[in-house]
Amino acid sequence: MTASAGRPPGTYISDLRPSRVATFEAVVVELGAVEEVETKEGIRRKVRHGLLRDPTGEIALVLWGSEVDLVTSGDRVRVVDGWVSDRRGRPQLSLGRAGRIERLGPQL
């Protein structure tokens, strides 16, 4: 067990604000089907929408390309340097260029 494994995260979903990076832990409570969309540049990419929850709230999740298979519904995850954006007036999380999502195991 690492030193950080027993420590609660310093950031919670209720703390997240658009145009910032965030590191926090949550549960994948909803995960939609993988879809294929065409970007503004005319490139077809896979996309998957979901919902993350912690004791303080929920945030929409969007996964792109190879990210769509990284988690399943019910997984406990740690998001590291995820990008929070504003999507129709509500915060939405993506992994952006530098972020990653780590599976911590199934929800307890």
Protein backbone atom coordinates (compact mmCIF):
# COMPACT_ATOMS: atom_id res chain seq x y z
CA MET A 1 0.00 0.00 0.00
CA THR A 2 1.43 3.39 -0.95
CA ALA A 3 1.44 6.34 1.41
CA SER A 4 -1.31 8.06 -0.60
CA ALA A 5 -3.55 4.99 -0.80
CA GLY A 6 -5.02 5.47 2.68
CA ARG A 7 -5.32 9.23 2.41
CA PRO A 8 -8.52 10.79 1.05
CA PRO A 9 -8.07 12.94 -2.06
CA GLY A 10 -7.57 16.65 -1.52
CA THR A 11 -10.09 17.61 -4.19
CA TYR A 12 -13.74 16.63 -4.53
CA ILE A 13 -16.24 17.00 -7.36
CA SER A 14 -17.90 19.94 -5.58
CA ASP A 15 -14.52 21.77 -5.81
CA LEU A 16 -14.19 21.42 -9.61
CA ARG A 17 -14.35 24.54 -11.77
CA PRO A 18 -14.19 24.98 -15.57
CA SER A 19 -10.87 25.78 -17.25
CA ARG A 20 -8.82 23.99 -14.59
CA VAL A 21 -7.12 20.63 -14.20
CA ALA A 22 -8.19 18.35 -11.37
CA THR A 23 -7.08 15.23 -9.55
CA PHE A 24 -9.74 13.40 -7.53
CA GLU A 25 -11.36 10.02 -6.84
CA ALA A 26 -14.92 9.02 -7.77
CA VAL A 27 -17.16 6.18 -8.91
CA VAL A 28 -18.31 5.69 -12.52
CA VAL A 29 -22.08 5.58 -11.92
CA GLU A 30 -23.19 5.75 -15.54
CA LEU A 31 -21.51 4.97 -18.84
CA GLY A 32 -23.19 5.28 -22.21
CA ALA A 33 -22.57 3.35 -25.38
CA VAL A 34 -19.52 4.04 -27.53
CA GLU A 35 -20.49 6.32 -30.42
CA GLU A 36 -18.61 7.57 -33.44
CA VAL A 37 -18.73 11.27 -34.25
CA GLU A 38 -17.18 13.51 -36.86
CA THR A 39 -15.00 16.30 -35.46
CA LYS A 40 -14.86 19.86 -36.82
CA GLU A 41 -11.78 18.76 -38.74
CA GLY A 42 -13.77 16.00 -40.49
CA ILE A 43 -12.11 13.15 -38.56
CA ARG A 44 -14.26 10.28 -37.22
CA ARG A 45 -13.55 9.57 -33.53
CA LYS A 46 -15.00 7.31 -30.86
CA VAL A 47 -16.66 9.06 -27.92
CA ARG A 48 -18.36 7.83 -24.75
CA HIS A 49 -20.29 9.85 -22.19
CA GLY A 50 -20.66 8.98 -18.54
CA LEU A 51 -21.16 10.29 -15.04
CA LEU A 52 -18.78 10.33 -12.08
CA ARG A 53 -19.93 10.66 -8.46
CA ASP A 54 -18.30 11.21 -5.09
CA PRO A 55 -19.89 12.09 -1.73
CA THR A 56 -20.00 15.79 -2.72
CA GLY A 57 -21.64 15.60 -6.15
CA GLU A 58 -21.56 14.45 -9.76
CA ILE A 59 -19.78 15.52 -12.93
CA ALA A 60 -20.30 14.56 -16.57
CA LEU A 61 -17.47 12.57 -18.14
CA VAL A 62 -16.47 12.35 -21.79
CA LEU A 63 -13.90 9.86 -23.07
CA TRP A 64 -12.36 10.06 -26.55
CA GLY A 65 -10.63 7.56 -28.85
CA SER A 66 -8.79 4.78 -27.01
CA GLU A 67 -10.01 6.19 -23.66
CA VAL A 68 -13.53 4.78 -24.25
CA ASP A 69 -12.50 1.33 -22.99
CA LEU A 70 -10.54 2.41 -19.90
CA VAL A 71 -13.39 2.08 -17.35
CA THR A 72 -16.72 0.35 -16.83
CA SER A 73 -19.79 1.33 -14.87
CA GLY A 74 -19.26 0.72 -11.14
CA ASP A 75 -15.47 1.24 -11.22
CA ARG A 76 -13.82 3.31 -8.52
CA VAL A 77 -11.36 5.60 -10.30
CA ARG A 78 -8.73 8.25 -9.71
CA VAL A 79 -8.64 11.02 -12.30
CA VAL A 80 -5.20 12.60 -12.54
CA ASP A 81 -4.89 16.01 -14.19
CA GLY A 82 -8.30 15.78 -15.85
CA TRP A 83 -9.56 18.86 -17.70
CA VAL A 84 -12.77 20.48 -16.48
CA SER A 85 -14.70 22.41 -19.12
CA ASP A 86 -18.07 24.11 -19.27
CA ARG A 87 -20.65 22.18 -21.32
CA ARG A 88 -23.94 24.01 -21.66
CA GLY A 89 -23.52 25.69 -18.28
CA ARG A 90 -22.46 22.55 -16.41
CA PRO A 91 -18.99 21.21 -15.64
CA GLN A 92 -17.73 18.31 -17.75
CA LEU A 93 -14.55 16.31 -17.32
CA SER A 94 -12.29 14.97 -20.06
CA LEU A 95 -8.74 13.68 -19.89
CA GLY A 96 -7.45 16.40 -22.17
CA ARG A 97 -3.88 16.18 -23.40
CA ALA A 98 -2.12 15.30 -20.14
CA GLY A 99 -4.78 13.64 -17.98
CA ARG A 100 -5.29 9.99 -17.16
CA ILE A 101 -7.81 7.82 -15.38
CA GLU A 102 -6.79 4.94 -13.12
CA ARG A 103 -9.07 2.10 -12.07
CA LEU A 104 -8.97 1.56 -8.31
CA GLY A 105 -11.33 -1.42 -8.37
CA PRO A 106 -15.06 -2.07 -8.22
CA GLN A 107 -17.34 0.09 -6.12
CA LEU A 108 -17.69 -1.11 -2.53
